[in-house]
Amino acid sequence: MSFDKQVVFQKYQQAEGDTGSAPVQIALLTERINYLNDHFRAHKKDHHGRQGLLAMVSRRRRLLSYFKRKDLAGYRKLIEDLGLRH
């Protein structure tokens, strides 16, 4: 992987040791999705990996919907930080 999970944890955790809250999970999925997008530019025929990418995008979409219902202000800040929904 080309990103450091610990940096993502430190930036998006809501409490010390938080590795499973919705913002942390969304940020991790976003980093993995961005990494895989670069991978697919180089490996256009990796269809099996693309299926995993679509699953990650769906999971992130569900988590974003949940987070939007629970904390609208936090949701808006998170999508701005991650550069989603241009």
C-alpha atoms as a PDB file:
ATOM      1  CA  MET A   1       0.000   0.000   0.000  1.00  0.00           C
ATOM      2  CA  SER A   2       1.166   3.493  -0.720  1.00  0.00           C
ATOM      3  CA  PHE A   3      -0.383   5.123   2.346  1.00  0.00           C
ATOM      4  CA  ASP A   4       0.207   4.859   6.074  1.00  0.00           C
ATOM      5  CA  LYS A   5      -2.809   3.723   8.077  1.00  0.00           C
ATOM      6  CA  GLN A   6      -1.466   5.283  11.265  1.00  0.00           C
ATOM      7  CA  VAL A   7      -1.518   8.742   9.672  1.00  0.00           C
ATOM      8  CA  VAL A   8      -5.150   8.232   8.623  1.00  0.00           C
ATOM      9  CA  PHE A   9      -6.041   7.003  12.139  1.00  0.00           C
ATOM     10  CA  GLN A  10      -4.416  10.026  13.771  1.00  0.00           C
ATOM     11  CA  LYS A  11      -6.082  12.515  11.427  1.00  0.00           C
ATOM     12  CA  TYR A  12      -9.658  11.168  11.570  1.00  0.00           C
ATOM     13  CA  GLN A  13      -9.979   9.419  14.955  1.00  0.00           C
ATOM     14  CA  GLN A  14     -12.563  10.837  17.319  1.00  0.00           C
ATOM     15  CA  ALA A  15     -10.864   9.518  20.474  1.00  0.00           C
ATOM     16  CA  GLU A  16      -7.498   8.025  21.327  1.00  0.00           C
ATOM     17  CA  GLY A  17      -7.200   4.548  19.828  1.00  0.00           C
ATOM     18  CA  ASP A  18     -10.257   4.964  17.596  1.00  0.00           C
ATOM     19  CA  THR A  19      -9.779   2.790  14.519  1.00  0.00           C
ATOM     20  CA  GLY A  20     -13.326   1.763  13.708  1.00  0.00           C
ATOM     21  CA  SER A  21     -15.554   4.830  13.687  1.00  0.00           C
ATOM     22  CA  ALA A  22     -17.326   5.808  10.480  1.00  0.00           C
ATOM     23  CA  PRO A  23     -14.995   8.737   9.608  1.00  0.00           C
ATOM     24  CA  VAL A  24     -11.905   6.555  10.031  1.00  0.00           C
ATOM     25  CA  GLN A  25     -13.398   3.749   7.931  1.00  0.00           C
ATOM     26  CA  ILE A  26     -14.469   6.193   5.213  1.00  0.00           C
ATOM     27  CA  ALA A  27     -11.016   7.792   5.117  1.00  0.00           C
ATOM     28  CA  LEU A  28      -9.299   4.389   4.884  1.00  0.00           C
ATOM     29  CA  LEU A  29     -11.604   3.261   2.102  1.00  0.00           C
ATOM     30  CA  THR A  30     -10.993   6.521   0.244  1.00  0.00           C
ATOM     31  CA  GLU A  31      -7.229   6.036   0.458  1.00  0.00           C
ATOM     32  CA  ARG A  32      -7.526   2.457  -0.816  1.00  0.00           C
ATOM     33  CA  ILE A  33      -9.879   3.510  -3.627  1.00  0.00           C
ATOM     34  CA  ASN A  34      -7.481   6.253  -4.733  1.00  0.00           C
ATOM     35  CA  TYR A  35      -4.589   3.782  -4.671  1.00  0.00           C
ATOM     36  CA  LEU A  36      -6.546   1.274  -6.764  1.00  0.00           C
ATOM     37  CA  ASN A  37      -7.537   3.950  -9.281  1.00  0.00           C
ATOM     38  CA  ASP A  38      -3.841   4.543  -9.937  1.00  0.00           C
ATOM     39  CA  HIS A  39      -3.291   0.785 -10.134  1.00  0.00           C
ATOM     40  CA  PHE A  40      -6.000   0.377 -12.782  1.00  0.00           C
ATOM     41  CA  ARG A  41      -4.501   3.102 -14.944  1.00  0.00           C
ATOM     42  CA  ALA A  42      -1.414   0.907 -15.258  1.00  0.00           C
ATOM     43  CA  HIS A  43      -3.193  -2.491 -15.295  1.00  0.00           C
ATOM     44  CA  LYS A  44      -6.223  -2.039 -17.504  1.00  0.00           C
ATOM     45  CA  LYS A  45      -7.068  -5.745 -17.713  1.00  0.00           C
ATOM     46  CA  ASP A  46      -7.234  -6.410 -13.977  1.00  0.00           C
ATOM     47  CA  HIS A  47     -10.970  -7.093 -13.965  1.00  0.00           C
ATOM     48  CA  HIS A  48     -10.934  -9.177 -10.795  1.00  0.00           C
ATOM     49  CA  GLY A  49      -9.396  -6.304  -8.840  1.00  0.00           C
ATOM     50  CA  ARG A  50     -11.924  -3.918 -10.317  1.00  0.00           C
ATOM     51  CA  GLN A  51     -14.693  -6.007  -8.753  1.00  0.00           C
ATOM     52  CA  GLY A  52     -13.098  -5.448  -5.335  1.00  0.00           C
ATOM     53  CA  LEU A  53     -12.877  -1.731  -6.065  1.00  0.00           C
ATOM     54  CA  LEU A  54     -16.602  -1.571  -6.784  1.00  0.00           C
ATOM     55  CA  ALA A  55     -17.303  -3.356  -3.497  1.00  0.00           C
ATOM     56  CA  MET A  56     -15.178  -0.773  -1.631  1.00  0.00           C
ATOM     57  CA  VAL A  57     -16.976   2.108  -3.342  1.00  0.00           C
ATOM     58  CA  SER A  58     -20.338   0.612  -2.329  1.00  0.00           C
ATOM     59  CA  ARG A  59     -19.213   0.126   1.273  1.00  0.00           C
ATOM     60  CA  ARG A  60     -17.944   3.713   1.419  1.00  0.00           C
ATOM     61  CA  ARG A  61     -21.252   4.992   0.007  1.00  0.00           C
ATOM     62  CA  ARG A  62     -23.203   3.112   2.701  1.00  0.00           C
ATOM     63  CA  LEU A  63     -20.917   4.430   5.453  1.00  0.00           C
ATOM     64  CA  LEU A  64     -21.268   7.975   4.115  1.00  0.00           C
ATOM     65  CA  SER A  65     -25.065   7.666   4.169  1.00  0.00           C
ATOM     66  CA  TYR A  66     -24.939   6.435   7.764  1.00  0.00           C
ATOM     67  CA  PHE A  67     -22.543   9.202   8.830  1.00  0.00           C
ATOM     68  CA  LYS A  68     -24.687  11.852   7.121  1.00  0.00           C
ATOM     69  CA  ARG A  69     -27.726  10.704   9.136  1.00  0.00           C
ATOM     70  CA  LYS A  70     -25.805  10.673  12.437  1.00  0.00           C
ATOM     71  CA  ASP A  71     -23.639  13.811  12.155  1.00  0.00           C
ATOM     72  CA  LEU A  72     -24.364  16.197   9.286  1.00  0.00           C
ATOM     73  CA  ALA A  73     -21.716  18.763  10.261  1.00  0.00           C
ATOM     74  CA  GLY A  74     -19.070  16.051  10.621  1.00  0.00           C
ATOM     75  CA  TYR A  75     -20.148  14.573   7.290  1.00  0.00           C
ATOM     76  CA  ARG A  76     -19.731  17.906   5.501  1.00  0.00           C
ATOM     77  CA  LYS A  77     -16.295  18.444   7.035  1.00  0.00           C
ATOM     78  CA  LEU A  78     -15.204  14.909   6.145  1.00  0.00           C
ATOM     79  CA  ILE A  79     -16.216  15.078   2.482  1.00  0.00           C
ATOM     80  CA  GLU A  80     -14.477  18.437   2.199  1.00  0.00           C
ATOM     81  CA  ASP A  81     -11.271  17.042   3.774  1.00  0.00           C
ATOM     82  CA  LEU A  82     -11.303  13.963   1.547  1.00  0.00           C
ATOM     83  CA  GLY A  83     -12.205  15.856  -1.607  1.00  0.00           C
ATOM     84  CA  LEU A  84     -15.363  13.865  -2.331  1.00  0.00           C
ATOM     85  CA  ARG A  85     -18.527  15.113  -4.059  1.00  0.00           C
ATOM     86  CA  HIS A  86     -16.949  17.840  -6.173  1.00  0.00           C
END
